[in-house]
Amino acid sequence: DDPAPKPMAVGKLDGKYVTSAGQTLLSWNDNGLNFTLVGDLPAKELAHIASAL
């Protein structure tokens, strides 16, 4: 089964993340644009990187 997305703040925006097989996928929307980061980092670290974009 696929893991269910969990909420995660990306700066002041609402995002969601899933972790599977050592990879984390974080996605969020800003002004109509969809963004996604994927990596072998914890969700909090990806959110920190995402908030700097």
Protein backbone atom coordinates (compact mmCIF):
# COMPACT_ATOMS: atom_id res chain seq x y z
CA ASP A 1 0.00 0.00 0.00
CA ASP A 2 1.08 3.55 -0.71
CA PRO A 3 1.67 5.69 2.38
CA ALA A 4 -0.89 8.42 3.07
CA PRO A 5 0.32 12.03 2.65
CA LYS A 6 0.92 13.92 5.89
CA PRO A 7 0.63 17.70 6.36
CA MET A 8 3.84 19.76 6.57
CA ALA A 9 4.28 23.54 6.66
CA VAL A 10 6.50 24.96 3.91
CA GLY A 11 7.25 28.42 5.25
CA LYS A 12 3.77 29.95 5.58
CA LEU A 13 2.27 27.57 3.03
CA ASP A 14 0.57 24.21 3.51
CA GLY A 15 2.31 21.22 2.01
CA LYS A 16 2.14 17.45 2.18
CA TYR A 17 4.81 14.79 2.32
CA VAL A 18 5.20 11.04 2.07
CA THR A 19 8.18 8.88 2.96
CA SER A 20 8.74 5.52 1.32
CA ALA A 21 11.80 3.33 0.77
CA GLY A 22 14.09 5.95 2.29
CA GLN A 23 12.86 8.73 0.00
CA THR A 24 10.75 11.72 1.01
CA LEU A 25 8.49 13.56 -1.42
CA LEU A 26 7.30 17.03 -0.37
CA SER A 27 4.78 18.97 -2.44
CA TRP A 28 3.12 22.37 -2.05
CA ASN A 29 1.37 25.06 -4.09
CA ASP A 30 2.30 28.75 -4.23
CA ASN A 31 0.31 31.25 -6.30
CA GLY A 32 -1.01 28.56 -8.62
CA LEU A 33 2.36 26.88 -9.15
CA ASN A 34 2.91 23.31 -7.93
CA PHE A 35 6.30 22.45 -6.46
CA THR A 36 7.78 19.08 -5.49
CA LEU A 37 11.06 18.17 -3.80
CA VAL A 38 12.26 14.58 -3.58
CA GLY A 39 15.28 13.33 -1.69
CA ASP A 40 16.73 11.06 0.95
CA LEU A 41 16.40 13.77 3.62
CA PRO A 42 13.91 14.03 6.48
CA ALA A 43 10.69 15.93 5.70
CA LYS A 44 11.68 18.81 8.01
CA GLU A 45 14.94 19.31 6.10
CA LEU A 46 13.15 19.30 2.74
CA ALA A 47 10.63 21.83 4.12
CA HIS A 48 13.51 24.05 5.26
CA ILE A 49 15.05 23.91 1.77
CA ALA A 50 11.64 24.50 0.15
CA SER A 51 10.96 27.59 2.26
CA ALA A 52 14.15 29.17 0.85
CA LEU A 53 12.94 28.87 -2.77
